[in-house]
Every structure is written in C-alpha cells, then in structure tokens.
Amino acid sequence: MAPLLALRLLPVEKDAPETQEGHQALVRQARSGDAAAFRTLFERHGPTVWRFLKDSFRDEAAADEATQETFVRAHARLTALRDEDRLASWLLGIARRVFLETRRVRGIRVDLDDEDTEGLLETVLPTPTPEDLLLDRETEAVLAEALGHLREGRRSALLLRIDHGLPYEEIALVMGWTIPKVKNEIHRARLQLREHLAPYLGGRS
C-alpha cells in the first residue's frame, strides 16, 4: 500500500447517511484488498481517530503521525476484523495502542489503573454539565485544562463516551476493561471534571 498522507484531519460535513449494508459492503471490499474502499474508510474515520489522538497527546503533530500509523496497522490487520459494524471502535482501539506505545518510546510514564472502589463522593454542581461544556467553543481552553488533570485512561474513557458517542460495551473493547470498570471510570472522570470546573461553573449566570 502506498504510504498514507499525514493529514491535518478536521471534522467535515457528512454526506447523506450511509446504510448499514453499504458500510458493511465497503469494509468487505477494503478487506479484500480494494485500495479505493480503504481510502474511503480512511477519509470517513480519519477525523474521529485524529481527534481522539489529539485529545490523548494534546499535540497535533503527534496526532498526525499516530493517525497515519493507526491506519497503516489497520490496513495490515483488516482481515482480522470480523464485525464490520465495530470498525470505529476497532480503529480507536488500534489508535490507543499506538498512543501508549509512543508514550513508552518517549519515556513517558503510563499511569496504572486505580483499584476500583465503591462509595464515591457525589458532587452536586450547578448546570451546565461537562457534556454541555464540550459543545461550548467559548470554554474550550478551560475544559482542555481541566481534562489535563484527569489520569490518561480515565480521560480517554470519558472522551470516547461523550465526544465519540461510543456505548460502554465498545469502550470496554477499546480500553481493554470490563464494562463495570468503564462505567466506574467515566463516573469518576465526571466527578473530577466537575470539581476542577466548579469555580468556572459557579460564576456563570
């Protein structure tokens, strides 16, 4: 396969929604070696993968390189994908492994998962919720700073749920966690995020 271009991938306007059958057929064509079909998958899913990696690295250049590496690996392993409907989470799983490997190569410590605990302290704060803030461009810098305080795995799980809309089952596959752990980590992430954003939220009218 010709090397993929390292693109600055940004969200693009979507064409008319594709049918599930059409998406599955496209994946099968790419799996059989159709380069044009794979390029179409790259164009459709590249922005999502790049955004996840940009949020993980907090570095656009690193996200560019890791996105290219993700799709190079995906192309080589596409025959292993049995469920065409899980392509998005499968790609994000590869992207996460690329991210973790890159961190290790750079000598950056990867945080270990905390032990699961019960009885988390519930914090009640005024609206808007962190989910609302994700959609508010005016608070992007504030939110990015707050997300930076979250442990890497916890931050990734939260972004996969809120920003990418993945169900808990698929987040579990991407992260290599159990579903209860996914729910617990996302719950903790929301509490921590609200704690960091409390001064800002309290000042809104």
N, C-alpha and C. Protein backbone atom coordinates (compact mmCIF):
# COMPACT_ATOMS: atom_id res chain seq x y z
N MET A 1 0.85 -1.19 0.00
CA MET A 1 0.00 0.00 0.00
C MET A 1 0.88 1.23 0.00
N ALA A 2 0.52 2.24 -0.77
CA ALA A 2 1.26 3.49 -0.76
C ALA A 2 1.11 4.14 0.60
N PRO A 3 2.19 4.81 1.10
CA PRO A 3 2.09 5.44 2.42
C PRO A 3 0.94 6.42 2.47
N LEU A 4 0.24 6.43 3.59
CA LEU A 4 -0.85 7.38 3.78
C LEU A 4 -0.27 8.76 4.05
N LEU A 5 -0.97 9.77 3.57
CA LEU A 5 -0.53 11.13 3.83
C LEU A 5 -0.83 11.50 5.27
N ALA A 6 0.10 12.20 5.90
CA ALA A 6 -0.14 12.69 7.26
C ALA A 6 -0.95 13.97 7.13
N LEU A 7 -2.24 13.87 7.34
CA LEU A 7 -3.14 14.99 7.12
C LEU A 7 -3.55 15.65 8.42
N ARG A 8 -3.81 16.93 8.38
CA ARG A 8 -4.43 17.63 9.49
C ARG A 8 -5.93 17.37 9.36
N LEU A 9 -6.42 16.38 10.06
CA LEU A 9 -7.78 15.91 9.88
C LEU A 9 -8.72 16.67 10.79
N LEU A 10 -9.66 17.34 10.22
CA LEU A 10 -10.65 18.10 10.96
C LEU A 10 -12.04 17.58 10.64
N PRO A 11 -13.01 17.80 11.53
CA PRO A 11 -14.38 17.36 11.24
C PRO A 11 -14.87 17.95 9.93
N VAL A 12 -15.52 17.14 9.14
CA VAL A 12 -16.01 17.60 7.84
C VAL A 12 -17.51 17.35 7.78
N GLU A 13 -18.15 18.07 6.89
CA GLU A 13 -19.58 17.86 6.71
C GLU A 13 -19.81 16.49 6.11
N LYS A 14 -20.82 15.81 6.61
CA LYS A 14 -21.10 14.45 6.16
C LYS A 14 -22.08 14.47 5.00
N ASP A 15 -21.91 13.51 4.12
CA ASP A 15 -22.87 13.35 3.04
C ASP A 15 -24.12 12.69 3.61
N ALA A 16 -25.04 12.35 2.73
CA ALA A 16 -26.25 11.68 3.16
C ALA A 16 -25.87 10.40 3.92
N PRO A 17 -26.59 10.09 5.00
CA PRO A 17 -26.26 8.93 5.82
C PRO A 17 -26.17 7.66 4.98
N GLU A 18 -25.14 6.88 5.25
CA GLU A 18 -24.95 5.63 4.52
C GLU A 18 -25.72 4.53 5.22
N THR A 19 -26.25 3.61 4.45
CA THR A 19 -26.97 2.49 5.04
C THR A 19 -25.98 1.55 5.71
N GLN A 20 -26.48 0.79 6.67
CA GLN A 20 -25.64 -0.18 7.35
C GLN A 20 -25.08 -1.19 6.37
N GLU A 21 -25.91 -1.60 5.42
CA GLU A 21 -25.45 -2.57 4.41
C GLU A 21 -24.34 -1.99 3.55
N GLY A 22 -24.48 -0.70 3.22
CA GLY A 22 -23.46 -0.05 2.40
C GLY A 22 -22.13 0.04 3.12
N HIS A 23 -22.18 0.35 4.43
CA HIS A 23 -20.96 0.42 5.23
C HIS A 23 -20.29 -0.95 5.32
N GLN A 24 -21.09 -1.97 5.57
CA GLN A 24 -20.54 -3.31 5.68
C GLN A 24 -19.90 -3.74 4.37
N ALA A 25 -20.54 -3.42 3.25
CA ALA A 25 -20.00 -3.77 1.95
C ALA A 25 -18.67 -3.07 1.71
N LEU A 26 -18.57 -1.80 2.14
CA LEU A 26 -17.34 -1.05 1.96
C LEU A 26 -16.20 -1.68 2.76
N VAL A 27 -16.49 -2.08 3.98
CA VAL A 27 -15.48 -2.73 4.80
C VAL A 27 -15.03 -4.05 4.17
N ARG A 28 -15.99 -4.81 3.64
CA ARG A 28 -15.64 -6.08 3.00
C ARG A 28 -14.77 -5.84 1.77
N GLN A 29 -15.08 -4.81 1.00
CA GLN A 29 -14.27 -4.50 -0.18
C GLN A 29 -12.84 -4.14 0.23
N ALA A 30 -12.73 -3.32 1.28
CA ALA A 30 -11.39 -2.94 1.75
C ALA A 30 -10.64 -4.16 2.27
N ARG A 31 -11.36 -5.06 2.93
CA ARG A 31 -10.74 -6.27 3.48
C ARG A 31 -10.25 -7.19 2.37
N SER A 32 -10.90 -7.12 1.22
CA SER A 32 -10.50 -7.98 0.09
C SER A 32 -9.35 -7.36 -0.72
N GLY A 33 -8.90 -6.16 -0.30
CA GLY A 33 -7.75 -5.55 -0.97
C GLY A 33 -8.08 -4.37 -1.85
N ASP A 34 -9.31 -3.88 -1.81
CA ASP A 34 -9.71 -2.74 -2.62
C ASP A 34 -9.14 -1.46 -2.00
N ALA A 35 -8.12 -0.89 -2.66
CA ALA A 35 -7.44 0.28 -2.11
C ALA A 35 -8.36 1.50 -2.05
N ALA A 36 -9.22 1.65 -3.06
CA ALA A 36 -10.14 2.79 -3.08
C ALA A 36 -11.12 2.71 -1.92
N ALA A 37 -11.59 1.52 -1.60
CA ALA A 37 -12.51 1.34 -0.49
C ALA A 37 -11.83 1.68 0.83
N PHE A 38 -10.58 1.25 0.98
CA PHE A 38 -9.87 1.55 2.21
C PHE A 38 -9.63 3.05 2.35
N ARG A 39 -9.31 3.70 1.23
CA ARG A 39 -9.10 5.14 1.28
C ARG A 39 -10.40 5.86 1.71
N THR A 40 -11.54 5.35 1.27
CA THR A 40 -12.81 5.92 1.67
C THR A 40 -13.02 5.75 3.18
N LEU A 41 -12.66 4.60 3.71
CA LEU A 41 -12.77 4.38 5.15
C LEU A 41 -11.84 5.32 5.90
N PHE A 42 -10.65 5.54 5.35
CA PHE A 42 -9.70 6.47 5.96
C PHE A 42 -10.28 7.87 6.01
N GLU A 43 -10.88 8.29 4.92
CA GLU A 43 -11.44 9.64 4.86
C GLU A 43 -12.63 9.80 5.81
N ARG A 44 -13.40 8.74 5.98
CA ARG A 44 -14.58 8.82 6.85
C ARG A 44 -14.24 8.72 8.32
N HIS A 45 -13.30 7.86 8.65
CA HIS A 45 -13.00 7.61 10.06
C HIS A 45 -11.74 8.33 10.53
N GLY A 46 -10.94 8.83 9.61
CA GLY A 46 -9.72 9.53 9.99
C GLY A 46 -9.94 10.69 10.94
N PRO A 47 -10.93 11.56 10.68
CA PRO A 47 -11.14 12.69 11.59
C PRO A 47 -11.44 12.26 13.03
N THR A 48 -12.20 11.17 13.19
CA THR A 48 -12.51 10.69 14.53
C THR A 48 -11.27 10.17 15.23
N VAL A 49 -10.47 9.39 14.50
CA VAL A 49 -9.24 8.85 15.07
C VAL A 49 -8.27 9.98 15.42
N TRP A 50 -8.13 10.95 14.51
CA TRP A 50 -7.22 12.06 14.75
C TRP A 50 -7.65 12.87 15.97
N ARG A 51 -8.95 13.13 16.10
CA ARG A 51 -9.43 13.92 17.24
C ARG A 51 -9.16 13.20 18.55
N PHE A 52 -9.38 11.87 18.57
CA PHE A 52 -9.09 11.09 19.77
C PHE A 52 -7.60 11.16 20.12
N LEU A 53 -6.74 11.02 19.12
CA LEU A 53 -5.31 11.07 19.36
C LEU A 53 -4.84 12.47 19.74
N LYS A 54 -5.45 13.48 19.15
CA LYS A 54 -5.09 14.85 19.53
C LYS A 54 -5.44 15.12 20.98
N ASP A 55 -6.62 14.63 21.40
CA ASP A 55 -7.01 14.79 22.80
C ASP A 55 -6.11 13.98 23.73
N SER A 56 -5.61 12.85 23.25
CA SER A 56 -4.75 12.00 24.07
C SER A 56 -3.34 12.59 24.19
N PHE A 57 -2.75 12.97 23.06
CA PHE A 57 -1.40 13.53 23.07
C PHE A 57 -1.38 15.00 23.50
N ARG A 58 -2.49 15.71 23.20
CA ARG A 58 -2.55 17.16 23.33
C ARG A 58 -1.43 17.80 22.49
N ASP A 59 -1.25 17.22 21.32
CA ASP A 59 -0.21 17.66 20.39
C ASP A 59 -0.67 17.26 18.98
N GLU A 60 -0.92 18.25 18.12
CA GLU A 60 -1.47 17.97 16.80
C GLU A 60 -0.48 17.24 15.89
N ALA A 61 0.79 17.60 15.97
CA ALA A 61 1.79 16.93 15.13
C ALA A 61 1.90 15.45 15.50
N ALA A 62 1.89 15.17 16.80
CA ALA A 62 1.94 13.77 17.25
C ALA A 62 0.69 13.03 16.81
N ALA A 63 -0.45 13.72 16.84
CA ALA A 63 -1.70 13.09 16.40
C ALA A 63 -1.65 12.77 14.91
N ASP A 64 -1.06 13.65 14.11
CA ASP A 64 -0.91 13.39 12.68
C ASP A 64 -0.14 12.09 12.44
N GLU A 65 1.02 11.96 13.10
CA GLU A 65 1.87 10.78 12.91
C GLU A 65 1.17 9.52 13.42
N ALA A 66 0.52 9.62 14.56
CA ALA A 66 -0.13 8.45 15.14
C ALA A 66 -1.36 8.02 14.33
N THR A 67 -2.03 8.98 13.72
CA THR A 67 -3.17 8.64 12.87
C THR A 67 -2.70 7.85 11.66
N GLN A 68 -1.61 8.29 11.05
CA GLN A 68 -1.07 7.55 9.91
C GLN A 68 -0.67 6.15 10.32
N GLU A 69 0.00 6.01 11.46
CA GLU A 69 0.43 4.70 11.94
C GLU A 69 -0.78 3.82 12.25
N THR A 70 -1.83 4.41 12.79
CA THR A 70 -3.05 3.66 13.10
C THR A 70 -3.63 3.03 11.84
N PHE A 71 -3.71 3.81 10.77
CA PHE A 71 -4.32 3.28 9.55
C PHE A 71 -3.38 2.34 8.79
N VAL A 72 -2.09 2.53 8.93
CA VAL A 72 -1.16 1.55 8.35
C VAL A 72 -1.36 0.19 9.02
N ARG A 73 -1.47 0.20 10.35
CA ARG A 73 -1.71 -1.05 11.07
C ARG A 73 -3.08 -1.63 10.74
N ALA A 74 -4.08 -0.75 10.65
CA ALA A 74 -5.43 -1.22 10.34
C ALA A 74 -5.47 -1.90 8.98
N HIS A 75 -4.77 -1.33 8.01
CA HIS A 75 -4.73 -1.92 6.67
C HIS A 75 -4.12 -3.32 6.72
N ALA A 76 -3.06 -3.46 7.51
CA ALA A 76 -2.36 -4.75 7.58
C ALA A 76 -3.19 -5.81 8.31
N ARG A 77 -4.09 -5.36 9.21
CA ARG A 77 -4.82 -6.31 10.06
C ARG A 77 -6.31 -6.37 9.73
N LEU A 78 -6.72 -5.75 8.66
CA LEU A 78 -8.15 -5.64 8.38
C LEU A 78 -8.83 -6.99 8.22
N THR A 79 -8.10 -7.99 7.78
CA THR A 79 -8.70 -9.31 7.61
C THR A 79 -9.11 -9.91 8.95
N ALA A 80 -8.55 -9.39 10.05
CA ALA A 80 -8.88 -9.91 11.38
C ALA A 80 -10.19 -9.33 11.91
N LEU A 81 -10.70 -8.29 11.26
CA LEU A 81 -11.95 -7.67 11.72
C LEU A 81 -13.13 -8.50 11.21
N ARG A 82 -13.88 -9.09 12.12
CA ARG A 82 -14.99 -9.97 11.74
C ARG A 82 -16.33 -9.24 11.75
N ASP A 83 -16.45 -8.20 12.57
CA ASP A 83 -17.72 -7.48 12.69
C ASP A 83 -17.56 -6.10 12.06
N GLU A 84 -18.09 -5.93 10.86
CA GLU A 84 -17.94 -4.67 10.15
C GLU A 84 -18.53 -3.49 10.91
N ASP A 85 -19.54 -3.75 11.73
CA ASP A 85 -20.20 -2.67 12.46
C ASP A 85 -19.34 -2.12 13.59
N ARG A 86 -18.29 -2.83 13.95
CA ARG A 86 -17.41 -2.38 15.03
C ARG A 86 -16.13 -1.74 14.50
N LEU A 87 -16.13 -1.33 13.26
CA LEU A 87 -14.92 -0.75 12.66
C LEU A 87 -14.45 0.46 13.45
N ALA A 88 -15.34 1.37 13.82
CA ALA A 88 -14.94 2.60 14.51
C ALA A 88 -14.24 2.30 15.82
N SER A 89 -14.83 1.44 16.65
CA SER A 89 -14.20 1.13 17.93
C SER A 89 -12.92 0.32 17.73
N TRP A 90 -12.88 -0.51 16.69
CA TRP A 90 -11.66 -1.27 16.38
C TRP A 90 -10.53 -0.32 16.02
N LEU A 91 -10.81 0.69 15.22
CA LEU A 91 -9.80 1.67 14.85
C LEU A 91 -9.33 2.47 16.06
N LEU A 92 -10.27 2.85 16.92
CA LEU A 92 -9.90 3.60 18.12
C LEU A 92 -9.07 2.74 19.07
N GLY A 93 -9.33 1.44 19.09
CA GLY A 93 -8.51 0.54 19.90
C GLY A 93 -7.08 0.50 19.39
N ILE A 94 -6.90 0.45 18.08
CA ILE A 94 -5.55 0.49 17.50
C ILE A 94 -4.90 1.83 17.82
N ALA A 95 -5.67 2.91 17.68
CA ALA A 95 -5.14 4.25 17.96
C ALA A 95 -4.65 4.35 19.40
N ARG A 96 -5.40 3.79 20.32
CA ARG A 96 -4.98 3.85 21.72
C ARG A 96 -3.68 3.09 21.94
N ARG A 97 -3.54 1.92 21.29
CA ARG A 97 -2.29 1.17 21.44
C ARG A 97 -1.11 1.94 20.85
N VAL A 98 -1.33 2.61 19.72
CA VAL A 98 -0.28 3.43 19.13
C VAL A 98 0.11 4.55 20.09
N PHE A 99 -0.88 5.17 20.71
CA PHE A 99 -0.63 6.24 21.66
C PHE A 99 0.22 5.74 22.84
N LEU A 100 -0.19 4.61 23.43
CA LEU A 100 0.54 4.09 24.57
C LEU A 100 1.96 3.68 24.21
N GLU A 101 2.13 3.06 23.03
CA GLU A 101 3.46 2.67 22.60
C GLU A 101 4.35 3.89 22.37
N THR A 102 3.78 4.93 21.80
CA THR A 102 4.54 6.16 21.55
C THR A 102 5.00 6.78 22.86
N ARG A 103 4.13 6.79 23.85
CA ARG A 103 4.49 7.32 25.17
C ARG A 103 5.64 6.52 25.78
N ARG A 104 5.58 5.21 25.65
CA ARG A 104 6.64 4.38 26.24
C ARG A 104 7.97 4.64 25.54
N VAL A 105 7.93 4.75 24.20
CA VAL A 105 9.15 5.01 23.45
C VAL A 105 9.77 6.35 23.86
N ARG A 106 8.92 7.32 24.14
CA ARG A 106 9.38 8.64 24.56
C ARG A 106 9.77 8.69 26.03
N GLY A 107 9.59 7.57 26.72
CA GLY A 107 9.95 7.53 28.12
C GLY A 107 8.97 8.21 29.04
N ILE A 108 7.72 8.35 28.58
CA ILE A 108 6.70 8.99 29.41
C ILE A 108 5.96 7.89 30.17
N ARG A 109 5.87 8.06 31.47
CA ARG A 109 5.23 7.04 32.30
C ARG A 109 3.75 6.94 31.97
N VAL A 110 3.28 5.71 31.83
CA VAL A 110 1.86 5.46 31.61
C VAL A 110 1.22 5.13 32.95
N ASP A 111 0.23 5.90 33.34
CA ASP A 111 -0.41 5.71 34.63
C ASP A 111 -1.06 4.34 34.71
N LEU A 112 -0.90 3.69 35.83
CA LEU A 112 -1.58 2.42 36.06
C LEU A 112 -3.01 2.69 36.50
N ASP A 113 -3.89 1.74 36.24
CA ASP A 113 -5.28 1.90 36.63
C ASP A 113 -5.40 1.87 38.14
N ASP A 114 -6.23 2.75 38.68
CA ASP A 114 -6.53 2.72 40.10
C ASP A 114 -7.39 1.51 40.40
N GLU A 115 -7.32 1.04 41.62
CA GLU A 115 -8.21 -0.05 42.02
C GLU A 115 -9.63 0.48 42.08
N ASP A 116 -10.57 -0.36 41.68
CA ASP A 116 -11.97 0.04 41.74
C ASP A 116 -12.39 0.19 43.20
N THR A 117 -13.13 1.24 43.48
CA THR A 117 -13.65 1.44 44.83
C THR A 117 -15.11 1.80 44.74
N GLU A 118 -15.82 1.59 45.84
CA GLU A 118 -17.23 1.92 45.90
C GLU A 118 -17.41 3.12 46.81
N GLY A 119 -18.63 3.63 46.84
CA GLY A 119 -18.94 4.74 47.72
C GLY A 119 -18.29 6.03 47.29
N LEU A 120 -18.25 6.32 45.98
CA LEU A 120 -17.66 7.56 45.50
C LEU A 120 -18.47 8.75 45.99
N LEU A 121 -17.76 9.82 46.32
CA LEU A 121 -18.42 11.02 46.81
C LEU A 121 -19.15 11.70 45.67
N GLU A 122 -20.44 11.88 45.81
CA GLU A 122 -21.25 12.56 44.81
C GLU A 122 -21.11 14.07 45.01
N THR A 123 -20.83 14.77 43.94
CA THR A 123 -20.69 16.22 43.99
C THR A 123 -21.79 16.83 43.15
N VAL A 124 -22.57 17.69 43.75
CA VAL A 124 -23.67 18.33 43.04
C VAL A 124 -23.25 19.76 42.72
N LEU A 125 -23.18 20.07 41.44
CA LEU A 125 -22.78 21.38 40.98
C LEU A 125 -23.83 21.92 40.03
N PRO A 126 -23.90 23.22 39.89
CA PRO A 126 -24.91 23.80 39.00
C PRO A 126 -24.65 23.46 37.56
N THR A 127 -25.69 23.54 36.75
CA THR A 127 -25.54 23.34 35.32
C THR A 127 -24.77 24.51 34.75
N PRO A 128 -24.15 24.42 33.56
CA PRO A 128 -24.18 23.28 32.65
C PRO A 128 -23.26 22.15 33.08
N THR A 129 -23.53 20.98 32.57
CA THR A 129 -22.72 19.81 32.86
C THR A 129 -21.46 19.83 32.01
N PRO A 130 -20.47 19.00 32.34
CA PRO A 130 -19.28 18.92 31.48
C PRO A 130 -19.62 18.57 30.04
N GLU A 131 -20.69 17.75 29.85
CA GLU A 131 -21.09 17.43 28.48
C GLU A 131 -21.50 18.69 27.72
N ASP A 132 -22.21 19.60 28.41
CA ASP A 132 -22.59 20.86 27.76
C ASP A 132 -21.36 21.68 27.40
N LEU A 133 -20.38 21.67 28.28
CA LEU A 133 -19.18 22.47 28.05
C LEU A 133 -18.39 21.96 26.85
N LEU A 134 -18.48 20.65 26.59
CA LEU A 134 -17.78 20.10 25.44
C LEU A 134 -18.28 20.72 24.14
N LEU A 135 -19.50 21.19 24.14
CA LEU A 135 -20.10 21.76 22.94
C LEU A 135 -19.98 23.28 22.91
N ASP A 136 -19.39 23.87 23.92
CA ASP A 136 -19.30 25.32 24.02
C ASP A 136 -17.89 25.77 23.65
N ARG A 137 -17.74 26.36 22.48
CA ARG A 137 -16.43 26.75 21.99
C ARG A 137 -15.76 27.78 22.91
N GLU A 138 -16.57 28.60 23.54
CA GLU A 138 -16.01 29.64 24.39
C GLU A 138 -15.28 29.07 25.60
N THR A 139 -15.60 27.86 25.99
CA THR A 139 -14.97 27.26 27.17
C THR A 139 -13.95 26.18 26.80
N GLU A 140 -13.56 26.13 25.53
CA GLU A 140 -12.67 25.06 25.08
C GLU A 140 -11.35 25.06 25.85
N ALA A 141 -10.75 26.23 26.05
CA ALA A 141 -9.47 26.29 26.74
C ALA A 141 -9.62 25.88 28.20
N VAL A 142 -10.71 26.32 28.84
CA VAL A 142 -10.97 25.97 30.23
C VAL A 142 -11.14 24.46 30.37
N LEU A 143 -11.90 23.88 29.46
CA LEU A 143 -12.16 22.45 29.51
C LEU A 143 -10.89 21.65 29.23
N ALA A 144 -10.09 22.09 28.27
CA ALA A 144 -8.85 21.38 27.94
C ALA A 144 -7.93 21.34 29.16
N GLU A 145 -7.87 22.44 29.88
CA GLU A 145 -7.03 22.48 31.07
C GLU A 145 -7.55 21.53 32.13
N ALA A 146 -8.88 21.49 32.29
CA ALA A 146 -9.48 20.60 33.28
C ALA A 146 -9.29 19.13 32.89
N LEU A 147 -9.44 18.82 31.61
CA LEU A 147 -9.22 17.44 31.15
C LEU A 147 -7.79 16.99 31.40
N GLY A 148 -6.86 17.95 31.33
CA GLY A 148 -5.46 17.63 31.55
C GLY A 148 -5.17 17.12 32.95
N HIS A 149 -6.07 17.40 33.90
CA HIS A 149 -5.88 16.93 35.27
C HIS A 149 -6.32 15.48 35.44
N LEU A 150 -7.05 14.93 34.47
CA LEU A 150 -7.52 13.56 34.58
C LEU A 150 -6.42 12.58 34.20
N ARG A 151 -6.37 11.45 34.90
CA ARG A 151 -5.46 10.39 34.53
C ARG A 151 -5.77 9.94 33.11
N GLU A 152 -4.75 9.54 32.36
CA GLU A 152 -4.90 9.31 30.92
C GLU A 152 -6.03 8.35 30.59
N GLY A 153 -6.05 7.18 31.23
CA GLY A 153 -7.08 6.20 30.90
C GLY A 153 -8.47 6.70 31.19
N ARG A 154 -8.62 7.39 32.31
CA ARG A 154 -9.92 7.95 32.69
C ARG A 154 -10.36 9.00 31.69
N ARG A 155 -9.43 9.84 31.26
CA ARG A 155 -9.75 10.88 30.27
C ARG A 155 -10.16 10.26 28.94
N SER A 156 -9.45 9.23 28.52
CA SER A 156 -9.77 8.57 27.25
C SER A 156 -11.16 7.96 27.29
N ALA A 157 -11.49 7.30 28.39
CA ALA A 157 -12.82 6.68 28.51
C ALA A 157 -13.92 7.73 28.45
N LEU A 158 -13.71 8.85 29.13
CA LEU A 158 -14.72 9.92 29.12
C LEU A 158 -14.90 10.48 27.73
N LEU A 159 -13.80 10.73 27.02
CA LEU A 159 -13.88 11.28 25.67
C LEU A 159 -14.54 10.31 24.70
N LEU A 160 -14.23 9.02 24.85
CA LEU A 160 -14.86 8.03 23.99
C LEU A 160 -16.37 8.00 24.18
N ARG A 161 -16.80 8.24 25.41
CA ARG A 161 -18.23 8.22 25.71
C ARG A 161 -18.92 9.51 25.26
N ILE A 162 -18.34 10.66 25.63
CA ILE A 162 -19.01 11.94 25.39
C ILE A 162 -18.71 12.50 24.00
N ASP A 163 -17.43 12.52 23.63
CA ASP A 163 -17.06 13.15 22.36
C ASP A 163 -17.32 12.24 21.17
N HIS A 164 -17.08 10.93 21.33
CA HIS A 164 -17.23 10.00 20.22
C HIS A 164 -18.50 9.18 20.28
N GLY A 165 -19.23 9.25 21.37
CA GLY A 165 -20.54 8.61 21.46
C GLY A 165 -20.51 7.09 21.48
N LEU A 166 -19.42 6.48 21.92
CA LEU A 166 -19.35 5.02 21.95
C LEU A 166 -20.15 4.47 23.14
N PRO A 167 -20.84 3.35 22.95
CA PRO A 167 -21.52 2.70 24.07
C PRO A 167 -20.49 2.07 25.00
N TYR A 168 -20.92 1.77 26.22
CA TYR A 168 -20.00 1.20 27.21
C TYR A 168 -19.32 -0.07 26.71
N GLU A 169 -20.08 -0.90 25.99
CA GLU A 169 -19.52 -2.17 25.51
C GLU A 169 -18.33 -1.94 24.59
N GLU A 170 -18.43 -0.95 23.71
CA GLU A 170 -17.34 -0.70 22.77
C GLU A 170 -16.18 0.02 23.45
N ILE A 171 -16.47 0.87 24.43
CA ILE A 171 -15.39 1.50 25.18
C ILE A 171 -14.59 0.43 25.91
N ALA A 172 -15.28 -0.57 26.42
CA ALA A 172 -14.61 -1.68 27.11
C ALA A 172 -13.64 -2.38 26.17
N LEU A 173 -14.04 -2.56 24.90
CA LEU A 173 -13.16 -3.20 23.93
C LEU A 173 -11.95 -2.32 23.63
N VAL A 174 -12.18 -1.03 23.46
CA VAL A 174 -11.08 -0.10 23.15
C VAL A 174 -10.08 -0.05 24.30
N MET A 175 -10.59 0.04 25.52
CA MET A 175 -9.73 0.22 26.69
C MET A 175 -9.18 -1.08 27.25
N GLY A 176 -9.80 -2.21 26.88
CA GLY A 176 -9.39 -3.49 27.46
C GLY A 176 -9.85 -3.63 28.90
N TRP A 177 -10.99 -3.03 29.22
CA TRP A 177 -11.55 -3.05 30.57
C TRP A 177 -12.84 -3.86 30.58
N THR A 178 -13.31 -4.15 31.80
CA THR A 178 -14.65 -4.70 31.95
C THR A 178 -15.66 -3.56 31.84
N ILE A 179 -16.91 -3.90 31.54
CA ILE A 179 -17.94 -2.86 31.45
C ILE A 179 -18.15 -2.15 32.79
N PRO A 180 -18.19 -2.88 33.94
CA PRO A 180 -18.31 -2.16 35.22
C PRO A 180 -17.17 -1.17 35.45
N LYS A 181 -15.96 -1.54 35.04
CA LYS A 181 -14.83 -0.63 35.22
C LYS A 181 -14.99 0.60 34.32
N VAL A 182 -15.47 0.40 33.10
CA VAL A 182 -15.72 1.54 32.21
C VAL A 182 -16.69 2.52 32.86
N LYS A 183 -17.80 2.00 33.36
CA LYS A 183 -18.80 2.86 33.99
C LYS A 183 -18.23 3.58 35.20
N ASN A 184 -17.45 2.86 35.99
CA ASN A 184 -16.86 3.44 37.19
C ASN A 184 -15.88 4.55 36.84
N GLU A 185 -15.01 4.30 35.85
CA GLU A 185 -14.01 5.29 35.47
C GLU A 185 -14.65 6.54 34.86
N ILE A 186 -15.69 6.36 34.06
CA ILE A 186 -16.37 7.51 33.47
C ILE A 186 -17.07 8.31 34.57
N HIS A 187 -17.64 7.61 35.54
CA HIS A 187 -18.28 8.29 36.66
C HIS A 187 -17.25 9.12 37.44
N ARG A 188 -16.10 8.52 37.72
CA ARG A 188 -15.05 9.24 38.42
C ARG A 188 -14.57 10.44 37.61
N ALA A 189 -14.42 10.23 36.30
CA ALA A 189 -13.96 11.32 35.45
C ALA A 189 -14.91 12.51 35.51
N ARG A 190 -16.20 12.22 35.48
CA ARG A 190 -17.19 13.30 35.54
C ARG A 190 -17.10 14.06 36.86
N LEU A 191 -16.94 13.31 37.96
CA LEU A 191 -16.83 13.96 39.26
C LEU A 191 -15.59 14.84 39.32
N GLN A 192 -14.46 14.31 38.85
CA GLN A 192 -13.22 15.08 38.88
C GLN A 192 -13.32 16.31 37.98
N LEU A 193 -13.92 16.12 36.82
CA LEU A 193 -14.04 17.24 35.89
C LEU A 193 -14.90 18.34 36.49
N ARG A 194 -15.99 17.96 37.12
CA ARG A 194 -16.85 18.96 37.74
C ARG A 194 -16.14 19.67 38.89
N GLU A 195 -15.30 18.93 39.61
CA GLU A 195 -14.55 19.55 40.70
C GLU A 195 -13.61 20.62 40.17
N HIS A 196 -12.89 20.30 39.09
CA HIS A 196 -11.96 21.26 38.50
C HIS A 196 -12.69 22.45 37.89
N LEU A 197 -13.91 22.20 37.38
CA LEU A 197 -14.65 23.26 36.73
C LEU A 197 -15.58 24.03 37.67
N ALA A 198 -15.61 23.62 38.94
CA ALA A 198 -16.54 24.24 39.88
C ALA A 198 -16.41 25.76 39.94
N PRO A 199 -15.20 26.32 40.04
CA PRO A 199 -15.11 27.79 40.11
C PRO A 199 -15.68 28.46 38.87
N TYR A 200 -15.45 27.83 37.70
CA TYR A 200 -15.97 28.42 36.45
C TYR A 200 -17.48 28.28 36.39
N LEU A 201 -17.98 27.12 36.71
CA LEU A 201 -19.42 26.87 36.64
C LEU A 201 -20.17 27.76 37.62
N GLY A 202 -19.59 27.95 38.79
CA GLY A 202 -20.26 28.77 39.79
C GLY A 202 -20.36 30.22 39.40
N GLY A 203 -19.52 30.65 38.45
CA GLY A 203 -19.53 32.05 38.05
C GLY A 203 -20.43 32.34 36.88
N ARG A 204 -21.08 31.29 36.35
CA ARG A 204 -21.96 31.50 35.19
C ARG A 204 -23.34 31.88 35.66
N SER A 205 -23.99 32.71 34.86
CA SER A 205 -25.34 33.15 35.20
C SER A 205 -26.35 32.18 34.61
